[in-house]
N, C-alpha and C. Protein backbone atom coordinates (compact mmCIF):
# COMPACT_ATOMS: atom_id res chain seq x y z
N UNK A 1 -53.81 -75.91 -43.67
CA UNK A 1 -54.39 -76.51 -42.51
C UNK A 1 -55.85 -76.84 -42.78
N UNK A 2 -56.27 -78.06 -42.38
CA UNK A 2 -57.65 -78.48 -42.57
C UNK A 2 -58.52 -77.84 -41.51
N UNK A 3 -59.64 -77.29 -41.90
CA UNK A 3 -60.56 -76.72 -40.92
C UNK A 3 -61.81 -77.54 -40.87
N UNK A 4 -62.39 -77.61 -39.69
CA UNK A 4 -63.60 -78.41 -39.52
C UNK A 4 -64.78 -77.69 -40.16
N UNK A 5 -65.64 -78.42 -40.85
CA UNK A 5 -66.82 -77.80 -41.42
C UNK A 5 -67.81 -77.46 -40.32
N UNK A 6 -68.72 -76.55 -40.58
CA UNK A 6 -69.72 -76.23 -39.57
C UNK A 6 -70.60 -77.43 -39.29
N UNK A 7 -71.32 -77.37 -38.14
CA UNK A 7 -72.13 -78.51 -37.71
C UNK A 7 -73.18 -78.89 -38.74
N UNK A 8 -73.68 -77.93 -39.49
CA UNK A 8 -74.72 -78.23 -40.47
C UNK A 8 -74.14 -78.49 -41.86
N UNK A 9 -72.84 -78.85 -41.88
CA UNK A 9 -72.20 -79.09 -43.17
C UNK A 9 -72.80 -80.30 -43.85
N UNK A 10 -72.74 -80.30 -45.16
CA UNK A 10 -73.25 -81.43 -45.94
C UNK A 10 -72.38 -82.65 -45.68
N UNK A 11 -72.93 -83.87 -45.88
CA UNK A 11 -72.17 -85.08 -45.63
C UNK A 11 -70.85 -85.14 -46.38
N UNK A 12 -70.79 -84.59 -47.63
CA UNK A 12 -69.54 -84.65 -48.36
C UNK A 12 -68.47 -83.77 -47.72
N UNK A 13 -68.87 -82.71 -47.01
CA UNK A 13 -67.90 -81.88 -46.30
C UNK A 13 -67.34 -82.66 -45.12
N UNK A 14 -68.17 -83.45 -44.45
CA UNK A 14 -67.69 -84.30 -43.35
C UNK A 14 -66.75 -85.36 -43.90
N UNK A 15 -67.11 -85.94 -45.04
CA UNK A 15 -66.30 -87.00 -45.61
C UNK A 15 -64.93 -86.48 -46.05
N UNK A 16 -64.83 -85.19 -46.35
CA UNK A 16 -63.58 -84.62 -46.83
C UNK A 16 -62.56 -84.41 -45.71
N UNK A 17 -62.98 -84.50 -44.45
CA UNK A 17 -62.06 -84.29 -43.34
C UNK A 17 -61.01 -85.41 -43.34
N UNK A 18 -59.74 -85.03 -43.21
CA UNK A 18 -58.65 -86.00 -43.27
C UNK A 18 -58.29 -86.48 -41.86
N UNK A 19 -58.96 -87.54 -41.41
CA UNK A 19 -58.71 -88.08 -40.08
C UNK A 19 -57.30 -88.63 -39.94
N UNK A 20 -56.82 -89.27 -40.98
CA UNK A 20 -55.49 -89.86 -40.92
C UNK A 20 -54.43 -88.78 -40.72
N UNK A 21 -54.55 -87.68 -41.44
CA UNK A 21 -53.58 -86.59 -41.28
C UNK A 21 -53.70 -85.97 -39.90
N UNK A 22 -54.92 -85.79 -39.42
CA UNK A 22 -55.12 -85.21 -38.10
C UNK A 22 -54.49 -86.10 -37.02
N UNK A 23 -54.65 -87.42 -37.15
CA UNK A 23 -54.04 -88.33 -36.17
C UNK A 23 -52.52 -88.29 -36.26
N UNK A 24 -52.02 -88.21 -37.48
CA UNK A 24 -50.56 -88.08 -37.66
C UNK A 24 -50.05 -86.81 -36.98
N UNK A 25 -50.79 -85.71 -37.15
CA UNK A 25 -50.41 -84.45 -36.51
C UNK A 25 -50.48 -84.55 -34.99
N UNK A 26 -51.50 -85.26 -34.48
CA UNK A 26 -51.59 -85.48 -33.02
C UNK A 26 -50.36 -86.23 -32.52
N UNK A 27 -49.96 -87.25 -33.27
CA UNK A 27 -48.80 -88.05 -32.88
C UNK A 27 -47.53 -87.19 -32.82
N UNK A 28 -47.51 -86.12 -33.60
CA UNK A 28 -46.36 -85.20 -33.59
C UNK A 28 -46.49 -84.13 -32.52
N UNK A 29 -47.58 -84.18 -31.74
CA UNK A 29 -47.77 -83.23 -30.64
C UNK A 29 -48.53 -81.97 -31.02
N UNK A 30 -49.22 -81.98 -32.13
CA UNK A 30 -49.97 -80.81 -32.57
C UNK A 30 -51.37 -80.81 -31.93
N UNK A 31 -51.54 -79.98 -30.90
CA UNK A 31 -52.82 -79.94 -30.17
C UNK A 31 -53.97 -79.41 -31.03
N UNK A 32 -53.65 -78.58 -32.00
CA UNK A 32 -54.70 -78.07 -32.88
C UNK A 32 -55.33 -79.20 -33.69
N UNK A 33 -54.55 -80.23 -33.99
CA UNK A 33 -55.09 -81.37 -34.73
C UNK A 33 -56.14 -82.08 -33.89
N UNK A 34 -55.87 -82.22 -32.59
CA UNK A 34 -56.86 -82.84 -31.70
C UNK A 34 -58.11 -81.98 -31.62
N UNK A 35 -57.92 -80.67 -31.56
CA UNK A 35 -59.06 -79.75 -31.53
C UNK A 35 -59.88 -79.86 -32.81
N UNK A 36 -59.22 -80.06 -33.95
CA UNK A 36 -59.94 -80.21 -35.22
C UNK A 36 -60.79 -81.49 -35.21
N UNK A 37 -60.21 -82.57 -34.70
CA UNK A 37 -60.98 -83.82 -34.60
C UNK A 37 -62.18 -83.61 -33.70
N UNK A 38 -61.95 -82.94 -32.57
CA UNK A 38 -63.04 -82.70 -31.62
C UNK A 38 -64.15 -81.87 -32.26
N UNK A 39 -63.77 -80.79 -32.92
CA UNK A 39 -64.76 -79.93 -33.57
C UNK A 39 -65.53 -80.67 -34.65
N UNK A 40 -64.83 -81.55 -35.36
CA UNK A 40 -65.42 -82.28 -36.47
C UNK A 40 -66.42 -83.33 -36.00
N UNK A 41 -66.09 -84.08 -34.94
CA UNK A 41 -66.85 -85.29 -34.63
C UNK A 41 -67.43 -85.35 -33.24
N UNK A 42 -67.21 -84.37 -32.37
CA UNK A 42 -67.59 -84.54 -30.97
C UNK A 42 -69.06 -84.86 -30.78
N UNK A 43 -69.94 -84.20 -31.51
CA UNK A 43 -71.37 -84.46 -31.27
C UNK A 43 -71.77 -85.85 -31.73
N UNK A 44 -71.13 -86.36 -32.78
CA UNK A 44 -71.44 -87.71 -33.26
C UNK A 44 -70.87 -88.76 -32.30
N UNK A 45 -69.66 -88.50 -31.81
CA UNK A 45 -69.04 -89.42 -30.86
C UNK A 45 -69.81 -89.43 -29.54
N UNK A 46 -70.28 -88.27 -29.12
CA UNK A 46 -71.09 -88.21 -27.90
C UNK A 46 -72.36 -89.03 -28.08
N UNK A 47 -72.94 -88.98 -29.27
CA UNK A 47 -74.13 -89.77 -29.55
C UNK A 47 -73.87 -91.26 -29.44
N UNK A 48 -72.71 -91.71 -29.92
CA UNK A 48 -72.35 -93.13 -29.81
C UNK A 48 -72.24 -93.52 -28.34
N UNK A 49 -71.51 -92.69 -27.56
CA UNK A 49 -71.34 -92.99 -26.14
C UNK A 49 -72.67 -92.97 -25.41
N UNK A 50 -73.51 -92.01 -25.71
CA UNK A 50 -74.81 -91.87 -25.03
C UNK A 50 -75.72 -93.05 -25.31
N UNK A 51 -75.69 -93.57 -26.55
CA UNK A 51 -76.52 -94.74 -26.87
C UNK A 51 -76.13 -95.94 -26.02
N UNK A 52 -74.86 -96.02 -25.63
CA UNK A 52 -74.38 -97.18 -24.88
C UNK A 52 -74.51 -96.98 -23.37
N UNK A 53 -74.06 -95.83 -22.85
CA UNK A 53 -74.05 -95.67 -21.39
C UNK A 53 -75.34 -95.11 -20.83
N UNK A 54 -76.16 -94.45 -21.67
CA UNK A 54 -77.50 -93.98 -21.30
C UNK A 54 -77.54 -92.84 -20.29
N UNK A 55 -76.41 -92.25 -19.98
CA UNK A 55 -76.39 -91.10 -19.07
C UNK A 55 -75.50 -90.03 -19.68
N UNK A 56 -76.04 -88.82 -19.77
CA UNK A 56 -75.32 -87.73 -20.44
C UNK A 56 -73.97 -87.46 -19.78
N UNK A 57 -73.94 -87.34 -18.45
CA UNK A 57 -72.69 -87.02 -17.77
C UNK A 57 -71.65 -88.11 -17.98
N UNK A 58 -72.08 -89.35 -17.88
CA UNK A 58 -71.15 -90.46 -18.10
C UNK A 58 -70.67 -90.49 -19.54
N UNK A 59 -71.56 -90.21 -20.49
CA UNK A 59 -71.16 -90.16 -21.90
C UNK A 59 -70.12 -89.06 -22.12
N UNK A 60 -70.30 -87.92 -21.47
CA UNK A 60 -69.32 -86.84 -21.60
C UNK A 60 -67.98 -87.24 -20.99
N UNK A 61 -68.03 -87.97 -19.86
CA UNK A 61 -66.78 -88.46 -19.25
C UNK A 61 -66.07 -89.44 -20.17
N UNK A 62 -66.85 -90.32 -20.79
CA UNK A 62 -66.27 -91.28 -21.74
C UNK A 62 -65.62 -90.54 -22.89
N UNK A 63 -66.30 -89.51 -23.40
CA UNK A 63 -65.77 -88.75 -24.53
C UNK A 63 -64.45 -88.07 -24.13
N UNK A 64 -64.42 -87.52 -22.93
CA UNK A 64 -63.17 -86.89 -22.43
C UNK A 64 -62.04 -87.92 -22.40
N UNK A 65 -62.34 -89.10 -21.82
CA UNK A 65 -61.31 -90.15 -21.74
C UNK A 65 -60.89 -90.61 -23.13
N UNK A 66 -61.85 -90.66 -24.05
CA UNK A 66 -61.53 -91.08 -25.41
C UNK A 66 -60.57 -90.10 -26.08
N UNK A 67 -60.81 -88.81 -25.89
CA UNK A 67 -59.91 -87.84 -26.52
C UNK A 67 -58.53 -87.83 -25.86
N UNK A 68 -58.48 -88.15 -24.56
CA UNK A 68 -57.17 -88.31 -23.92
C UNK A 68 -56.43 -89.50 -24.54
N UNK A 69 -57.17 -90.57 -24.79
CA UNK A 69 -56.55 -91.75 -25.39
C UNK A 69 -56.15 -91.47 -26.83
N UNK A 70 -56.99 -90.78 -27.58
CA UNK A 70 -56.65 -90.43 -28.96
C UNK A 70 -55.34 -89.64 -28.97
N UNK A 71 -55.23 -88.68 -28.03
CA UNK A 71 -54.03 -87.85 -27.95
C UNK A 71 -52.79 -88.67 -27.61
N UNK A 72 -52.92 -89.55 -26.61
CA UNK A 72 -51.74 -90.28 -26.14
C UNK A 72 -51.38 -91.48 -27.02
N UNK A 73 -52.36 -91.99 -27.78
CA UNK A 73 -52.10 -93.19 -28.57
C UNK A 73 -52.15 -92.95 -30.08
N UNK A 74 -52.19 -91.69 -30.48
CA UNK A 74 -52.29 -91.39 -31.92
C UNK A 74 -51.15 -92.01 -32.71
N UNK A 75 -49.98 -92.11 -32.09
CA UNK A 75 -48.83 -92.69 -32.80
C UNK A 75 -49.03 -94.16 -33.11
N UNK A 76 -49.95 -94.82 -32.39
CA UNK A 76 -50.17 -96.26 -32.63
C UNK A 76 -51.16 -96.50 -33.78
N UNK A 77 -51.81 -95.43 -34.26
CA UNK A 77 -52.75 -95.60 -35.37
C UNK A 77 -51.98 -96.03 -36.62
N UNK A 78 -52.50 -97.05 -37.28
CA UNK A 78 -51.88 -97.59 -38.50
C UNK A 78 -52.92 -97.55 -39.63
N UNK A 79 -52.71 -96.66 -40.56
CA UNK A 79 -53.66 -96.49 -41.66
C UNK A 79 -53.78 -97.75 -42.51
N UNK A 80 -52.78 -98.62 -42.46
CA UNK A 80 -52.85 -99.86 -43.24
C UNK A 80 -53.87 -100.83 -42.65
N UNK A 81 -54.27 -100.60 -41.40
CA UNK A 81 -55.19 -101.52 -40.73
C UNK A 81 -56.62 -100.99 -40.69
N UNK A 82 -56.85 -99.78 -41.15
CA UNK A 82 -58.21 -99.24 -41.15
C UNK A 82 -58.20 -97.73 -41.21
N UNK A 83 -59.39 -97.15 -41.27
CA UNK A 83 -59.50 -95.70 -41.40
C UNK A 83 -59.29 -95.01 -40.06
N UNK A 84 -58.86 -93.76 -40.12
CA UNK A 84 -58.69 -92.97 -38.92
C UNK A 84 -60.01 -92.75 -38.20
N UNK A 85 -61.05 -92.49 -38.95
CA UNK A 85 -62.37 -92.27 -38.34
C UNK A 85 -62.84 -93.53 -37.62
N UNK A 86 -62.65 -94.68 -38.25
CA UNK A 86 -63.02 -95.94 -37.62
C UNK A 86 -62.25 -96.20 -36.34
N UNK A 87 -60.97 -95.86 -36.33
CA UNK A 87 -60.12 -96.04 -35.15
C UNK A 87 -60.64 -95.19 -34.00
N UNK A 88 -61.01 -93.95 -34.29
CA UNK A 88 -61.53 -93.03 -33.27
C UNK A 88 -62.85 -93.55 -32.72
N UNK A 89 -63.75 -93.97 -33.60
CA UNK A 89 -65.06 -94.47 -33.14
C UNK A 89 -64.92 -95.76 -32.34
N UNK A 90 -63.96 -96.59 -32.69
CA UNK A 90 -63.72 -97.81 -31.93
C UNK A 90 -63.29 -97.49 -30.50
N UNK A 91 -62.45 -96.48 -30.34
CA UNK A 91 -62.02 -96.07 -29.00
C UNK A 91 -63.23 -95.65 -28.17
N UNK A 92 -64.11 -94.84 -28.75
CA UNK A 92 -65.28 -94.36 -28.01
C UNK A 92 -66.21 -95.52 -27.66
N UNK A 93 -66.47 -96.40 -28.62
CA UNK A 93 -67.35 -97.55 -28.34
C UNK A 93 -66.77 -98.43 -27.24
N UNK A 94 -65.48 -98.74 -27.34
CA UNK A 94 -64.87 -99.63 -26.35
C UNK A 94 -64.87 -99.02 -24.96
N UNK A 95 -64.54 -97.74 -24.85
CA UNK A 95 -64.56 -97.09 -23.54
C UNK A 95 -65.98 -97.02 -22.98
N UNK A 96 -66.96 -96.80 -23.84
CA UNK A 96 -68.35 -96.77 -23.39
C UNK A 96 -68.76 -98.13 -22.83
N UNK A 97 -68.45 -99.17 -23.56
CA UNK A 97 -68.80 -100.52 -23.11
C UNK A 97 -68.05 -100.89 -21.84
N UNK A 98 -66.80 -100.48 -21.74
CA UNK A 98 -66.03 -100.73 -20.51
C UNK A 98 -66.66 -100.02 -19.33
N UNK A 99 -67.14 -98.80 -19.54
CA UNK A 99 -67.78 -98.05 -18.46
C UNK A 99 -69.02 -98.78 -17.96
N UNK A 100 -69.78 -99.34 -18.88
CA UNK A 100 -70.98 -100.09 -18.49
C UNK A 100 -70.59 -101.37 -17.76
N UNK A 101 -69.61 -102.09 -18.30
CA UNK A 101 -69.17 -103.35 -17.68
C UNK A 101 -68.69 -103.13 -16.26
N UNK A 102 -67.95 -102.07 -16.04
CA UNK A 102 -67.37 -101.81 -14.73
C UNK A 102 -68.36 -101.19 -13.77
N UNK A 103 -69.58 -100.97 -14.24
CA UNK A 103 -70.58 -100.37 -13.38
C UNK A 103 -70.19 -98.95 -12.99
N UNK A 104 -69.52 -98.28 -13.91
CA UNK A 104 -69.01 -96.94 -13.62
C UNK A 104 -70.12 -96.04 -13.10
N UNK A 105 -69.88 -95.43 -11.97
CA UNK A 105 -70.82 -94.48 -11.36
C UNK A 105 -72.20 -95.09 -11.15
N UNK A 106 -72.24 -96.40 -10.83
CA UNK A 106 -73.51 -97.04 -10.49
C UNK A 106 -74.52 -96.97 -11.63
N UNK A 107 -74.08 -97.20 -12.86
CA UNK A 107 -74.99 -97.15 -14.00
C UNK A 107 -75.87 -98.39 -13.99
N UNK A 108 -77.19 -98.18 -14.09
CA UNK A 108 -78.14 -99.28 -14.20
C UNK A 108 -78.09 -99.84 -15.62
N UNK A 109 -77.88 -101.13 -15.72
CA UNK A 109 -77.79 -101.76 -17.03
C UNK A 109 -79.18 -102.22 -17.44
N UNK A 110 -79.82 -101.44 -18.29
CA UNK A 110 -81.15 -101.81 -18.75
C UNK A 110 -81.04 -102.77 -19.94
N UNK A 111 -82.18 -103.14 -20.49
CA UNK A 111 -82.20 -104.13 -21.55
C UNK A 111 -81.42 -103.67 -22.78
N UNK A 112 -81.56 -102.39 -23.14
CA UNK A 112 -80.85 -101.88 -24.32
C UNK A 112 -79.35 -101.94 -24.12
N UNK A 113 -78.88 -101.57 -22.92
CA UNK A 113 -77.45 -101.60 -22.64
C UNK A 113 -76.94 -103.03 -22.63
N UNK A 114 -77.74 -103.92 -22.07
CA UNK A 114 -77.36 -105.34 -22.09
C UNK A 114 -77.21 -105.82 -23.53
N UNK A 115 -78.09 -105.36 -24.42
CA UNK A 115 -77.99 -105.74 -25.82
C UNK A 115 -76.74 -105.14 -26.46
N UNK A 116 -76.36 -103.94 -26.01
CA UNK A 116 -75.12 -103.35 -26.51
C UNK A 116 -73.93 -104.20 -26.09
N UNK A 117 -73.98 -104.70 -24.86
CA UNK A 117 -72.91 -105.59 -24.40
C UNK A 117 -72.91 -106.90 -25.20
N UNK A 118 -74.12 -107.41 -25.50
CA UNK A 118 -74.21 -108.60 -26.34
C UNK A 118 -73.57 -108.35 -27.70
N UNK A 119 -73.84 -107.17 -28.25
CA UNK A 119 -73.26 -106.83 -29.55
C UNK A 119 -71.74 -106.79 -29.46
N UNK A 120 -71.22 -106.25 -28.33
CA UNK A 120 -69.77 -106.20 -28.15
C UNK A 120 -69.20 -107.61 -28.05
N UNK A 121 -69.87 -108.49 -27.31
CA UNK A 121 -69.40 -109.87 -27.20
C UNK A 121 -69.43 -110.55 -28.56
N UNK A 122 -70.47 -110.24 -29.33
CA UNK A 122 -70.56 -110.80 -30.68
C UNK A 122 -69.39 -110.31 -31.52
N UNK A 123 -69.05 -109.02 -31.36
CA UNK A 123 -67.93 -108.47 -32.11
C UNK A 123 -66.63 -109.17 -31.71
N UNK A 124 -66.47 -109.42 -30.41
CA UNK A 124 -65.26 -110.09 -29.95
C UNK A 124 -65.21 -111.53 -30.48
N UNK A 125 -66.39 -112.17 -30.57
CA UNK A 125 -66.43 -113.53 -31.11
C UNK A 125 -65.99 -113.56 -32.56
N UNK A 126 -66.20 -112.45 -33.26
CA UNK A 126 -65.81 -112.37 -34.67
C UNK A 126 -64.48 -111.63 -34.85
N UNK A 127 -63.71 -111.55 -33.76
CA UNK A 127 -62.45 -110.81 -33.79
C UNK A 127 -61.53 -111.33 -34.90
N UNK A 128 -61.49 -112.63 -35.07
CA UNK A 128 -60.62 -113.20 -36.10
C UNK A 128 -61.03 -112.75 -37.49
N UNK A 129 -62.34 -112.57 -37.69
CA UNK A 129 -62.81 -112.11 -38.99
C UNK A 129 -62.24 -110.72 -39.28
N UNK A 130 -62.35 -109.84 -38.26
CA UNK A 130 -61.90 -108.47 -38.49
C UNK A 130 -60.39 -108.38 -38.58
N UNK A 131 -59.66 -109.28 -37.89
CA UNK A 131 -58.22 -109.34 -38.09
C UNK A 131 -57.92 -109.67 -39.55
N UNK A 132 -58.69 -110.59 -40.10
CA UNK A 132 -58.50 -110.94 -41.51
C UNK A 132 -58.80 -109.74 -42.39
N UNK A 133 -59.88 -108.99 -42.05
CA UNK A 133 -60.19 -107.80 -42.83
C UNK A 133 -59.03 -106.83 -42.80
N UNK A 134 -58.51 -106.58 -41.60
CA UNK A 134 -57.47 -105.56 -41.44
C UNK A 134 -56.15 -105.98 -42.07
N UNK A 135 -55.82 -107.28 -41.92
CA UNK A 135 -54.49 -107.71 -42.31
C UNK A 135 -54.42 -108.22 -43.75
N UNK A 136 -55.50 -108.79 -44.24
CA UNK A 136 -55.43 -109.49 -45.52
C UNK A 136 -56.27 -108.88 -46.62
N UNK A 137 -57.13 -107.94 -46.30
CA UNK A 137 -58.06 -107.46 -47.32
C UNK A 137 -57.94 -105.96 -47.53
N UNK A 138 -58.09 -105.56 -48.73
CA UNK A 138 -58.15 -104.13 -49.01
C UNK A 138 -59.56 -103.65 -48.75
N UNK A 139 -59.70 -102.36 -48.56
CA UNK A 139 -61.03 -101.79 -48.34
C UNK A 139 -61.93 -102.08 -49.55
N UNK A 140 -61.35 -102.08 -50.72
CA UNK A 140 -62.14 -102.36 -51.93
C UNK A 140 -62.76 -103.75 -51.89
N UNK A 141 -62.02 -104.75 -51.44
CA UNK A 141 -62.56 -106.10 -51.37
C UNK A 141 -63.67 -106.17 -50.33
N UNK A 142 -63.47 -105.51 -49.19
CA UNK A 142 -64.50 -105.50 -48.16
C UNK A 142 -65.78 -104.85 -48.70
N UNK A 143 -65.63 -103.75 -49.40
CA UNK A 143 -66.80 -103.10 -49.99
C UNK A 143 -67.50 -104.02 -50.98
N UNK A 144 -66.72 -104.74 -51.79
CA UNK A 144 -67.30 -105.68 -52.75
C UNK A 144 -68.08 -106.77 -52.02
N UNK A 145 -67.51 -107.29 -50.94
CA UNK A 145 -68.17 -108.36 -50.19
C UNK A 145 -69.43 -107.83 -49.52
N UNK A 146 -69.36 -106.63 -48.97
CA UNK A 146 -70.55 -106.04 -48.37
C UNK A 146 -71.64 -105.84 -49.41
N UNK A 147 -71.25 -105.44 -50.61
CA UNK A 147 -72.22 -105.19 -51.67
C UNK A 147 -72.94 -106.46 -52.10
N UNK A 148 -72.31 -107.62 -51.87
CA UNK A 148 -72.93 -108.89 -52.26
C UNK A 148 -73.99 -109.35 -51.25
N UNK A 149 -73.96 -108.79 -50.05
CA UNK A 149 -74.95 -109.17 -49.04
C UNK A 149 -76.32 -108.64 -49.41
N UNK A 150 -77.35 -109.34 -48.94
CA UNK A 150 -78.70 -108.81 -49.08
C UNK A 150 -78.74 -107.47 -48.37
N UNK A 151 -79.44 -106.49 -48.91
CA UNK A 151 -79.44 -105.15 -48.32
C UNK A 151 -79.80 -105.12 -46.84
N UNK A 152 -80.75 -105.93 -46.41
CA UNK A 152 -81.16 -105.92 -45.00
C UNK A 152 -80.03 -106.39 -44.10
N UNK A 153 -79.33 -107.45 -44.50
CA UNK A 153 -78.21 -107.96 -43.69
C UNK A 153 -77.06 -106.95 -43.67
N UNK A 154 -76.77 -106.38 -44.83
CA UNK A 154 -75.70 -105.38 -44.90
C UNK A 154 -76.00 -104.21 -43.98
N UNK A 155 -77.24 -103.73 -44.00
CA UNK A 155 -77.64 -102.60 -43.17
C UNK A 155 -77.45 -102.93 -41.70
N UNK A 156 -77.88 -104.13 -41.28
CA UNK A 156 -77.75 -104.52 -39.88
C UNK A 156 -76.29 -104.58 -39.44
N UNK A 157 -75.44 -105.14 -40.30
CA UNK A 157 -74.02 -105.24 -39.97
C UNK A 157 -73.40 -103.85 -39.85
N UNK A 158 -73.73 -102.96 -40.77
CA UNK A 158 -73.17 -101.61 -40.71
C UNK A 158 -73.66 -100.86 -39.47
N UNK A 159 -74.94 -101.01 -39.13
CA UNK A 159 -75.45 -100.40 -37.90
C UNK A 159 -74.69 -100.91 -36.68
N UNK A 160 -74.42 -102.22 -36.64
CA UNK A 160 -73.76 -102.82 -35.48
C UNK A 160 -72.28 -102.44 -35.39
N UNK A 161 -71.55 -102.57 -36.50
CA UNK A 161 -70.10 -102.45 -36.43
C UNK A 161 -69.55 -101.09 -36.84
N UNK A 162 -70.35 -100.27 -37.48
CA UNK A 162 -69.89 -98.92 -37.83
C UNK A 162 -70.52 -97.89 -36.90
N UNK A 163 -71.84 -97.99 -36.69
CA UNK A 163 -72.53 -97.03 -35.84
C UNK A 163 -72.53 -97.43 -34.37
N UNK A 164 -72.18 -98.68 -34.07
CA UNK A 164 -72.14 -99.12 -32.68
C UNK A 164 -73.51 -99.34 -32.06
N UNK A 165 -74.51 -99.62 -32.87
CA UNK A 165 -75.87 -99.83 -32.37
C UNK A 165 -76.01 -101.20 -31.72
N UNK A 166 -76.84 -101.27 -30.69
CA UNK A 166 -77.19 -102.56 -30.10
C UNK A 166 -78.16 -103.28 -31.03
N UNK A 167 -78.34 -104.57 -30.77
CA UNK A 167 -79.29 -105.33 -31.59
C UNK A 167 -80.69 -104.74 -31.46
N UNK A 168 -81.05 -104.30 -30.26
CA UNK A 168 -82.37 -103.70 -30.05
C UNK A 168 -82.56 -102.42 -30.85
N UNK A 169 -81.50 -101.59 -30.88
CA UNK A 169 -81.57 -100.35 -31.65
C UNK A 169 -81.71 -100.64 -33.14
N UNK A 170 -81.00 -101.68 -33.60
CA UNK A 170 -81.09 -102.04 -35.01
C UNK A 170 -82.50 -102.53 -35.33
N UNK A 171 -83.06 -103.35 -34.44
CA UNK A 171 -84.42 -103.85 -34.65
C UNK A 171 -85.41 -102.69 -34.74
N UNK A 172 -85.21 -101.69 -33.89
CA UNK A 172 -86.10 -100.53 -33.90
C UNK A 172 -85.92 -99.72 -35.18
N UNK A 173 -84.68 -99.49 -35.57
CA UNK A 173 -84.42 -98.69 -36.77
C UNK A 173 -84.96 -99.36 -38.02
N UNK A 174 -84.82 -100.67 -38.08
CA UNK A 174 -85.21 -101.39 -39.30
C UNK A 174 -86.63 -101.95 -39.23
N UNK A 175 -87.28 -101.77 -38.07
CA UNK A 175 -88.64 -102.30 -37.88
C UNK A 175 -88.66 -103.80 -38.15
N UNK A 176 -87.69 -104.50 -37.56
CA UNK A 176 -87.52 -105.93 -37.75
C UNK A 176 -87.47 -106.62 -36.39
N UNK A 177 -88.03 -107.82 -36.24
CA UNK A 177 -87.95 -108.52 -34.96
C UNK A 177 -86.50 -108.73 -34.51
N UNK A 178 -86.28 -108.65 -33.19
CA UNK A 178 -84.94 -108.75 -32.63
C UNK A 178 -84.24 -110.04 -33.04
N UNK A 179 -84.94 -111.16 -32.96
CA UNK A 179 -84.33 -112.44 -33.33
C UNK A 179 -83.89 -112.47 -34.78
N UNK A 180 -84.65 -111.83 -35.64
CA UNK A 180 -84.30 -111.77 -37.06
C UNK A 180 -83.04 -110.95 -37.26
N UNK A 181 -82.94 -109.82 -36.54
CA UNK A 181 -81.75 -108.98 -36.63
C UNK A 181 -80.51 -109.77 -36.22
N UNK A 182 -80.60 -110.48 -35.09
CA UNK A 182 -79.45 -111.26 -34.62
C UNK A 182 -79.05 -112.32 -35.64
N UNK A 183 -80.06 -112.98 -36.22
CA UNK A 183 -79.77 -114.02 -37.22
C UNK A 183 -79.14 -113.42 -38.47
N UNK A 184 -79.65 -112.28 -38.92
CA UNK A 184 -79.08 -111.63 -40.11
C UNK A 184 -77.63 -111.25 -39.88
N UNK A 185 -77.33 -110.71 -38.71
CA UNK A 185 -75.95 -110.30 -38.42
C UNK A 185 -75.05 -111.53 -38.40
N UNK A 186 -75.49 -112.58 -37.72
CA UNK A 186 -74.67 -113.80 -37.62
C UNK A 186 -74.43 -114.40 -39.01
N UNK A 187 -75.50 -114.54 -39.80
CA UNK A 187 -75.34 -115.13 -41.13
C UNK A 187 -74.56 -114.21 -42.06
N UNK A 188 -74.82 -112.91 -41.94
CA UNK A 188 -74.09 -111.95 -42.78
C UNK A 188 -72.59 -111.98 -42.50
N UNK A 189 -72.22 -112.10 -41.20
CA UNK A 189 -70.80 -112.18 -40.85
C UNK A 189 -70.19 -113.46 -41.43
N UNK A 190 -70.95 -114.56 -41.40
CA UNK A 190 -70.45 -115.79 -41.99
C UNK A 190 -70.21 -115.65 -43.48
N UNK A 191 -71.14 -114.98 -44.16
CA UNK A 191 -70.98 -114.76 -45.59
C UNK A 191 -69.77 -113.87 -45.88
N UNK A 192 -69.58 -112.83 -45.05
CA UNK A 192 -68.42 -111.95 -45.24
C UNK A 192 -67.12 -112.73 -45.04
N UNK A 193 -67.11 -113.59 -44.02
CA UNK A 193 -65.89 -114.37 -43.75
C UNK A 193 -65.53 -115.22 -44.97
N UNK A 194 -66.54 -115.87 -45.55
CA UNK A 194 -66.28 -116.70 -46.73
C UNK A 194 -65.80 -115.85 -47.91
N UNK A 195 -66.41 -114.69 -48.08
CA UNK A 195 -66.05 -113.82 -49.20
C UNK A 195 -64.63 -113.28 -49.06
N UNK A 196 -64.24 -112.96 -47.81
CA UNK A 196 -62.92 -112.36 -47.59
C UNK A 196 -61.80 -113.39 -47.60
N UNK A 197 -62.17 -114.68 -47.45
CA UNK A 197 -61.12 -115.73 -47.36
C UNK A 197 -60.38 -115.87 -48.68
């Protein structure tokens, strides 16, 4: 049985966690597998939700709903279409953005949250690209294409689509003007589309 590393575990210990197996076990009704996922990633997932919804209680509610969805939909996870960890983070990001869109619990949508919604719309606009990634490309090819990008563009894309950061958060992290970040992401996605074709 896989056990979750302690919170201060080294990054390689986190990377060693088998998300795909844990999701498979959840699909078979193994509640301990869900508990292992929770122990492994809850604080990181809460951070993703909190960056988007901006309220601790709402972020905790989103996380609860996400784990309910992980439990009930684990059987729909397909390792051929992406990583287990990515699937879990996508659920949390999408539920967080839905909570903001629906005005859940009267959440005030500030500029940063609006930018997170813009990032989500941008992701939806590039939905066909990611379908191509999932259906036609191996992870190795995607990594090769990402490696060909200029480091700044690659970093912005990874912040947006892996960490779920808004454009404003990316601009702050990279100390780059917001307009430049948006342009880098747009151009970088175009380059990735050409590379993956």
